[in-house]
Amino acid sequence: MQQEISTHDAAAVERCHQAYLRIREELAKVIVGQQRVIEEVLIAILARGHALLEGVPGLAKTLLVSSLAQATHLTFKRIQFTPDLMPSDVTGTDVIQEDPKTGERGYKFLPGPIFANMILADEINRTPPKTQAAMLEAMQERQVTAGGRVYRLPDPFFVLATQNPLEQEGTYPLPEAQLDRFLLYIKVDYPSAEEEWEIARRVTSGQQGTIEPLMTGEELVEFQKLVTRIPISDQVLGYAWAIVRASRPGSDESPDFVTRWVAWGAGPRGLLTLVTCAKARAVLHGRYHATIGDVQAVLKPALRHRIAGNYAAQANNLTSDRLIEMLMEAVPPDAKYEKPSPRVLRDRVQA
C-alpha cells in the first residue's frame, strides 16, 4: 500500500512540475522577467499561505496577481485599500430585506469581495488598522463572522497583498502581528536592462498576450495536500531549526552578532514556514524531497518580516536581509543536525 501511495504522489509531483512550467510560459506573455517573484508567489500558494509583495509603483505587481488568477482559473477579486475603507466593505454586511410574498422583513448577508479564491489586497498599508484587522480572521481562520454567524470562505483561499515602500505619509504600517500572518514577504525589484527594453517594446507596440487557464481550483487543492505529504529529512529540518534558533538574541544557539544587533528573532511559525515552503519549492521543481538548498532559497521571504534589527543595526545599515545573510554564513549547512534529546534540553534549562 505504501508503494502505491508513493507512486501516486510521484506522479502528482511531476504533474505539479509540468503545471509550474506551463504557468511560467503563460505568464511570460504579459510579464517580462520576475521569475523569482513568480516562483515565491506560487510557493506561498502551494503552502496554503498568503504573500505580501512590496515594490515601487510600476513593477507589475497587480498585473502579476491578476494574470496568475487567470492562469489558475480561480475566482479573483481586487480590493483597493483606501483611508475611508470600512471593514464591512471587505467582509460583507447584513442588510434588511423584505419577503415579497409574506411582507416580512429579515436580515440577509451580502458577501463582500473577500469571498473569492484569490484576493488582491492592493496597497494594504493605506487603510486604517480597523479595516486591516478585518482581514486577520479571514486570513488565519478562512472564515468571516457577521451578525453572529460564521461564513466559510472558498477553498482554496489566499491573499496576495501589495504595498509601496516609498510613500509613508498617509499610510498605516502593518503591525508585526499582522505581518506574521503573511507566509512570505516578497520584495519586487526593478527589471534588468534587457527586461526593461522588452517591456517597453511590448507595451508600446500592443503585443500583449492573452492568458489561458491551465489549472483548476480542485487541482490546486490536490497539490496543496501533496506538499504536506512530501518527506523532509532530519538534516534539512535540523538546518531550518538551527537557523530559526540562531535568530533569537540571548539564546544559547545565537551568534554574538544576533545578540548585538537583533531586537527579536523568528518564532515557531518561522520554522514552520521554512519547512513548508521548502517542500513546496521541491514540488515545483519536480522533486519528491526537500533539500537544504530549498530552505536557503526561501530564507529571505520567509524570515525578513520575522527578524527585526535593533537601533544599533539600523545605525550600521543592517537590514533584515543582511542579518539573514549573516545567519546563513554563521550556521553551517553541512553540520550534523538531529533531534535534541530531552536530557539535552533539561541540561540547557538548568544551566
Protein backbone atom coordinates (compact mmCIF):
# COMPACT_ATOMS: atom_id res chain seq x y z
CA MET A 1 0.00 0.00 0.00
CA GLN A 2 2.86 2.34 0.82
CA GLN A 3 4.35 1.69 -2.64
CA GLU A 4 1.04 2.60 -4.29
CA ILE A 5 0.83 5.85 -2.35
CA SER A 6 4.43 6.75 -3.20
CA THR A 7 3.87 6.03 -6.89
CA HIS A 8 0.73 8.17 -6.93
CA ASP A 9 2.50 11.03 -5.18
CA ALA A 10 5.48 10.82 -7.51
CA ALA A 11 3.12 11.18 -10.48
CA ALA A 12 1.42 14.12 -8.76
CA VAL A 13 4.80 15.80 -8.23
CA GLU A 14 5.54 15.50 -11.94
CA ARG A 15 2.12 16.96 -12.82
CA CYS A 16 2.73 19.89 -10.49
CA HIS A 17 6.16 20.49 -12.00
CA GLN A 18 4.75 20.49 -15.52
CA ALA A 19 1.94 22.83 -14.45
CA TYR A 20 4.53 25.18 -12.96
CA LEU A 21 6.49 25.26 -16.22
CA ARG A 22 3.32 25.93 -18.23
CA ILE A 23 2.22 28.71 -15.87
CA ARG A 24 5.61 30.38 -16.22
CA GLU A 25 5.30 30.22 -20.01
CA GLU A 26 1.76 31.58 -19.86
CA LEU A 27 2.67 34.47 -17.55
CA ALA A 28 5.61 35.32 -19.82
CA LYS A 29 3.01 36.51 -22.36
CA VAL A 30 2.26 39.55 -20.18
CA ILE A 31 5.01 39.59 -17.52
CA VAL A 32 8.61 40.12 -18.57
CA GLY A 33 11.10 38.60 -16.13
CA GLN A 34 10.21 38.46 -12.39
CA GLN A 35 10.82 34.69 -12.36
CA ARG A 36 11.89 34.74 -8.71
CA VAL A 37 8.75 36.63 -7.68
CA ILE A 38 6.52 34.26 -9.64
CA GLU A 39 8.16 31.25 -8.01
CA GLU A 40 7.84 32.69 -4.50
CA VAL A 41 4.16 33.57 -5.02
CA LEU A 42 3.45 30.03 -6.24
CA ILE A 43 5.36 28.62 -3.25
CA ALA A 44 3.10 30.59 -0.91
CA ILE A 45 0.01 29.35 -2.73
CA LEU A 46 1.10 25.69 -2.62
CA ALA A 47 1.91 26.07 1.08
CA ARG A 48 -1.64 27.35 1.74
CA GLY A 49 -0.33 30.74 2.81
CA HIS A 50 -0.60 34.41 1.96
CA ALA A 51 2.07 36.66 0.47
CA LEU A 52 2.93 40.34 0.82
CA LEU A 53 4.52 41.91 -2.27
CA GLU A 54 6.49 45.10 -1.74
CA GLY A 55 7.91 47.22 -4.52
CA VAL A 56 7.87 50.69 -6.00
CA PRO A 57 4.99 51.63 -8.35
CA GLY A 58 5.07 50.32 -11.90
CA LEU A 59 6.68 46.92 -11.33
CA ALA A 60 3.57 44.96 -12.46
CA LYS A 61 2.65 43.65 -9.01
CA THR A 62 -1.08 43.99 -9.67
CA LEU A 63 -0.75 42.63 -13.22
CA LEU A 64 1.17 39.62 -11.90
CA VAL A 65 -1.53 38.69 -9.40
CA SER A 66 -4.43 39.16 -11.82
CA SER A 67 -2.60 37.19 -14.53
CA LEU A 68 -1.91 34.37 -12.09
CA ALA A 69 -5.60 34.22 -11.23
CA GLN A 70 -6.42 33.84 -14.94
CA ALA A 71 -3.79 31.11 -15.38
CA THR A 72 -5.17 29.11 -12.44
CA HIS A 73 -8.85 29.56 -13.37
CA LEU A 74 -9.77 30.84 -9.89
CA THR A 75 -12.31 33.42 -8.79
CA PHE A 76 -10.47 36.70 -8.33
CA LYS A 77 -11.36 39.93 -6.53
CA ARG A 78 -9.31 43.09 -6.17
CA ILE A 79 -9.76 45.27 -3.09
CA GLN A 80 -8.28 48.75 -3.41
CA PHE A 81 -7.49 49.79 0.15
CA THR A 82 -8.12 53.46 0.90
CA PRO A 83 -8.21 55.51 4.14
CA ASP A 84 -12.04 55.53 4.15
CA LEU A 85 -12.49 51.78 3.53
CA MET A 86 -14.65 50.14 6.21
CA PRO A 87 -14.39 46.53 7.47
CA SER A 88 -17.84 45.73 6.06
CA ASP A 89 -16.61 46.85 2.64
CA VAL A 90 -14.21 43.91 2.78
CA THR A 91 -16.11 41.16 4.59
CA GLY A 92 -19.72 41.99 3.70
CA THR A 93 -22.68 43.11 5.78
CA ASP A 94 -26.23 42.23 6.83
CA VAL A 95 -29.00 44.16 5.07
CA ILE A 96 -32.72 44.28 5.78
CA GLN A 97 -34.70 42.58 3.04
CA GLU A 98 -38.46 42.24 2.69
CA ASP A 99 -40.05 38.99 1.52
CA PRO A 100 -42.28 39.95 -1.45
CA LYS A 101 -44.78 37.16 -0.63
CA THR A 102 -45.19 37.47 3.13
CA GLY A 103 -44.09 41.06 3.60
CA GLU A 104 -41.87 40.00 6.48
CA ARG A 105 -38.53 41.69 6.92
CA GLY A 106 -35.34 39.96 7.85
CA TYR A 107 -31.60 40.24 7.65
CA LYS A 108 -29.70 38.83 4.70
CA PHE A 109 -25.93 38.64 4.50
CA LEU A 110 -24.40 40.16 1.39
CA PRO A 111 -20.88 38.72 0.95
CA GLY A 112 -18.06 41.16 0.41
CA PRO A 113 -15.19 40.85 -2.06
CA ILE A 114 -13.25 38.68 0.42
CA PHE A 115 -15.38 35.73 -0.78
CA ALA A 116 -13.16 34.64 -3.65
CA ASN A 117 -10.32 32.17 -4.18
CA MET A 118 -7.65 34.80 -4.82
CA ILE A 119 -7.74 38.23 -3.21
CA LEU A 120 -5.55 41.10 -4.33
CA ALA A 121 -5.29 43.46 -1.35
CA ASP A 122 -3.86 46.43 -3.23
CA GLU A 123 -1.90 48.94 -1.13
CA ILE A 124 -2.95 47.30 2.11
CA ASN A 125 -0.97 49.82 4.18
CA ARG A 126 -3.22 52.67 3.01
CA THR A 127 -6.23 51.62 5.10
CA PRO A 128 -6.67 52.18 8.88
CA PRO A 129 -5.86 49.40 11.38
CA LYS A 130 -9.55 48.66 11.96
CA THR A 131 -10.00 47.59 8.35
CA GLN A 132 -6.63 45.84 8.28
CA ALA A 133 -7.74 43.82 11.30
CA ALA A 134 -10.86 42.72 9.43
CA MET A 135 -8.54 40.72 7.20
CA LEU A 136 -7.00 38.82 10.12
CA GLU A 137 -9.83 36.36 10.76
CA ALA A 138 -10.24 35.72 7.04
CA MET A 139 -6.52 35.12 6.53
CA GLN A 140 -5.97 32.97 9.60
CA GLU A 141 -9.26 31.13 10.11
CA ARG A 142 -10.50 31.29 6.50
CA GLN A 143 -13.89 32.45 7.66
CA VAL A 144 -15.89 35.64 8.24
CA THR A 145 -18.11 36.36 11.24
CA ALA A 146 -21.02 38.75 10.70
CA GLY A 147 -24.23 39.16 12.63
CA GLY A 148 -23.26 36.35 14.99
CA ARG A 149 -22.91 33.87 12.14
CA VAL A 150 -19.81 32.27 10.66
CA TYR A 151 -19.40 32.12 6.90
CA ARG A 152 -16.71 29.88 5.46
CA LEU A 153 -14.50 31.21 2.68
CA PRO A 154 -14.00 29.19 -0.52
CA ASP A 155 -11.18 26.68 -0.82
CA PRO A 156 -8.52 27.38 -1.98
CA PHE A 157 -8.23 30.85 -0.49
CA PHE A 158 -5.23 33.13 -0.30
CA VAL A 159 -4.48 36.83 -0.05
CA LEU A 160 -1.79 38.48 -2.13
CA ALA A 161 -1.27 41.97 -0.74
CA THR A 162 0.85 44.79 -2.15
CA GLN A 163 2.38 47.82 -0.54
CA ASN A 164 4.51 50.73 -1.68
CA PRO A 165 7.69 51.20 0.41
CA LEU A 166 8.28 54.79 -0.71
CA GLU A 167 5.31 56.84 0.45
CA GLN A 168 4.90 56.83 4.23
CA GLU A 169 2.65 59.88 4.55
CA GLY A 170 -0.99 58.87 4.89
CA THR A 171 -0.18 55.19 5.35
CA TYR A 172 -0.69 52.77 8.23
CA PRO A 173 2.26 50.35 8.51
CA LEU A 174 1.17 46.80 9.22
CA PRO A 175 1.83 45.74 12.82
CA GLU A 176 4.13 42.79 13.43
CA ALA A 177 1.20 40.54 14.41
CA GLN A 178 -0.44 41.08 11.04
CA LEU A 179 2.82 40.86 9.11
CA ASP A 180 3.30 37.43 10.67
CA ARG A 181 0.03 36.30 9.07
CA PHE A 182 1.76 36.53 5.70
CA LEU A 183 3.66 33.37 4.94
CA LEU A 184 6.14 35.16 2.67
CA TYR A 185 7.27 38.78 2.42
CA ILE A 186 8.33 39.15 -1.22
CA LYS A 187 10.44 42.05 -2.48
CA VAL A 188 9.79 43.02 -6.11
CA ASP A 189 12.90 44.58 -7.66
CA TYR A 190 13.48 46.65 -10.78
CA PRO A 191 13.77 44.68 -14.04
CA SER A 192 17.12 44.11 -15.68
CA ALA A 193 18.21 46.24 -18.64
CA GLU A 194 17.16 43.60 -21.17
CA GLU A 195 13.83 43.02 -19.46
CA GLU A 196 13.03 46.74 -19.33
CA TRP A 197 13.82 47.07 -23.04
CA GLU A 198 11.45 44.18 -23.80
CA ILE A 199 8.72 45.71 -21.56
CA ALA A 200 8.88 48.99 -23.48
CA ARG A 201 8.85 47.19 -26.84
CA ARG A 202 5.85 45.02 -25.99
CA VAL A 203 3.66 47.62 -24.32
CA THR A 204 4.22 50.40 -26.85
CA SER A 205 3.63 48.08 -29.80
CA GLY A 206 0.50 46.49 -28.34
CA GLN A 207 1.94 42.99 -28.25
CA GLN A 208 0.26 41.93 -25.00
CA GLY A 209 -0.70 38.27 -24.90
CA THR A 210 -3.82 36.57 -23.54
CA ILE A 211 -3.61 34.29 -20.51
CA GLU A 212 -5.17 30.85 -20.90
CA PRO A 213 -6.37 28.91 -17.81
CA LEU A 214 -4.15 25.92 -17.03
CA MET A 215 -5.20 24.68 -13.60
CA THR A 216 -8.46 24.32 -11.72
CA GLY A 217 -9.09 25.01 -8.05
CA GLU A 218 -9.53 21.29 -7.40
CA GLU A 219 -6.10 20.55 -8.87
CA LEU A 220 -4.55 23.30 -6.78
CA VAL A 221 -6.07 21.86 -3.59
CA GLU A 222 -4.68 18.45 -4.57
CA PHE A 223 -1.19 19.94 -4.97
CA GLN A 224 -1.52 21.71 -1.59
CA LYS A 225 -2.30 18.38 0.08
CA LEU A 226 0.61 16.83 -1.79
CA VAL A 227 3.02 19.33 -0.22
CA THR A 228 2.05 18.16 3.27
CA ARG A 229 2.93 14.58 2.30
CA ILE A 230 6.36 15.42 0.90
CA PRO A 231 9.03 13.97 3.24
CA ILE A 232 11.79 16.05 4.77
CA SER A 233 14.92 14.60 6.31
CA ASP A 234 16.11 15.35 9.84
CA GLN A 235 19.20 17.01 8.32
CA VAL A 236 17.11 19.52 6.34
CA LEU A 237 14.68 20.04 9.22
CA GLY A 238 17.64 20.49 11.57
CA TYR A 239 19.20 23.15 9.36
CA ALA A 240 15.95 25.18 9.29
CA TRP A 241 15.60 24.64 13.05
CA ALA A 242 19.17 25.83 13.63
CA ILE A 243 18.63 29.00 11.56
CA VAL A 244 15.50 29.91 13.50
CA ARG A 245 17.07 29.16 16.88
CA ALA A 246 20.14 31.20 15.96
CA SER A 247 18.00 34.23 15.05
CA ARG A 248 16.86 34.79 18.66
CA PRO A 249 19.01 37.15 20.73
CA GLY A 250 20.18 35.83 24.07
CA SER A 251 19.66 32.13 23.25
CA ASP A 252 22.37 29.50 23.61
CA GLU A 253 22.39 28.90 19.84
CA SER A 254 22.62 32.54 18.68
CA PRO A 255 25.90 34.03 17.41
CA ASP A 256 27.30 37.17 19.04
CA PHE A 257 26.11 39.47 16.25
CA VAL A 258 22.50 38.39 16.83
CA THR A 259 22.59 39.42 20.48
CA ARG A 260 24.25 42.67 19.45
CA TRP A 261 22.05 43.67 16.51
CA VAL A 262 18.75 41.75 16.60
CA ALA A 263 15.77 43.04 18.59
CA TRP A 264 13.74 39.85 18.19
CA GLY A 265 14.06 36.73 16.11
CA ALA A 266 11.79 34.30 14.35
CA GLY A 267 9.25 32.29 16.34
CA PRO A 268 7.99 28.75 15.73
CA ARG A 269 5.88 29.99 12.82
CA GLY A 270 9.12 30.94 11.11
CA LEU A 271 10.34 27.35 11.32
CA LEU A 272 7.01 26.01 10.03
CA THR A 273 7.20 28.46 7.15
CA LEU A 274 10.74 27.39 6.20
CA VAL A 275 9.88 23.70 6.21
CA THR A 276 6.56 24.01 4.37
CA CYS A 277 7.89 26.42 1.74
CA ALA A 278 11.00 24.27 1.17
CA LYS A 279 8.71 21.31 0.49
CA ALA A 280 6.53 23.41 -1.82
CA ARG A 281 9.60 24.57 -3.76
CA ALA A 282 10.76 20.99 -4.12
CA VAL A 283 7.40 20.02 -5.62
CA LEU A 284 7.50 22.95 -8.06
CA HIS A 285 10.89 21.76 -9.28
CA GLY A 286 9.71 18.17 -9.67
CA ARG A 287 11.46 16.69 -6.62
CA TYR A 288 9.94 14.35 -4.07
CA HIS A 289 12.01 15.61 -1.15
CA ALA A 290 13.13 18.99 0.18
CA THR A 291 16.80 19.92 0.35
CA ILE A 292 18.90 22.43 2.26
CA GLY A 293 19.07 24.41 -0.99
CA ASP A 294 15.27 24.73 -0.89
CA VAL A 295 15.46 26.09 2.66
CA GLN A 296 18.14 28.60 1.68
CA ALA A 297 16.09 29.72 -1.33
CA VAL A 298 13.12 30.72 0.85
CA LEU A 299 15.05 32.10 3.85
CA LYS A 300 14.70 35.79 2.98
CA PRO A 301 11.00 35.92 2.04
CA ALA A 302 10.15 33.62 4.97
CA LEU A 303 12.11 35.46 7.67
CA ARG A 304 12.64 39.08 6.60
CA HIS A 305 9.42 40.12 8.40
CA ARG A 306 10.11 37.85 11.37
CA ILE A 307 13.59 39.16 12.25
CA ALA A 308 13.95 42.78 13.33
CA GLY A 309 17.17 44.67 13.87
CA ASN A 310 17.59 46.98 16.84
CA TYR A 311 18.71 50.61 16.80
CA ALA A 312 22.36 49.58 16.62
CA ALA A 313 21.63 47.55 13.49
CA GLN A 314 19.81 50.47 11.90
CA ALA A 315 22.73 52.75 12.69
CA ASN A 316 25.03 50.30 10.86
CA ASN A 317 22.61 49.96 7.89
CA LEU A 318 21.99 46.29 8.69
CA THR A 319 18.66 45.35 7.15
CA SER A 320 16.75 42.15 7.87
CA ASP A 321 18.02 40.73 4.59
CA ARG A 322 21.62 41.38 5.59
CA LEU A 323 21.06 39.81 9.02
CA ILE A 324 19.63 36.71 7.31
CA GLU A 325 22.71 36.53 5.08
CA MET A 326 24.89 36.68 8.20
CA LEU A 327 22.85 33.86 9.73
CA MET A 328 23.45 31.76 6.63
CA GLU A 329 27.18 32.37 7.00
CA ALA A 330 27.11 31.51 10.72
CA VAL A 331 25.01 28.31 10.54
CA PRO A 332 26.85 25.60 8.58
CA PRO A 333 24.60 23.61 6.22
CA ASP A 334 26.88 20.57 6.36
CA ALA A 335 26.82 20.18 10.15
CA LYS A 336 25.12 17.11 11.57
CA TYR A 337 21.67 18.02 12.87
CA GLU A 338 19.49 15.69 14.90
CA LYS A 339 16.52 15.92 17.20
CA PRO A 340 17.55 17.29 20.65
CA SER A 341 17.15 14.70 23.37
CA PRO A 342 15.06 15.54 26.46
CA ARG A 343 18.23 15.29 28.55
CA VAL A 344 20.00 17.95 26.48
CA LEU A 345 17.01 20.25 26.75
CA ARG A 346 16.86 19.68 30.50
CA ASP A 347 20.53 20.50 30.92
CA ARG A 348 20.07 23.75 28.98
CA VAL A 349 17.15 24.77 31.17
CA GLN A 350 19.07 24.03 34.36
CA ALA A 351 22.12 25.88 33.08
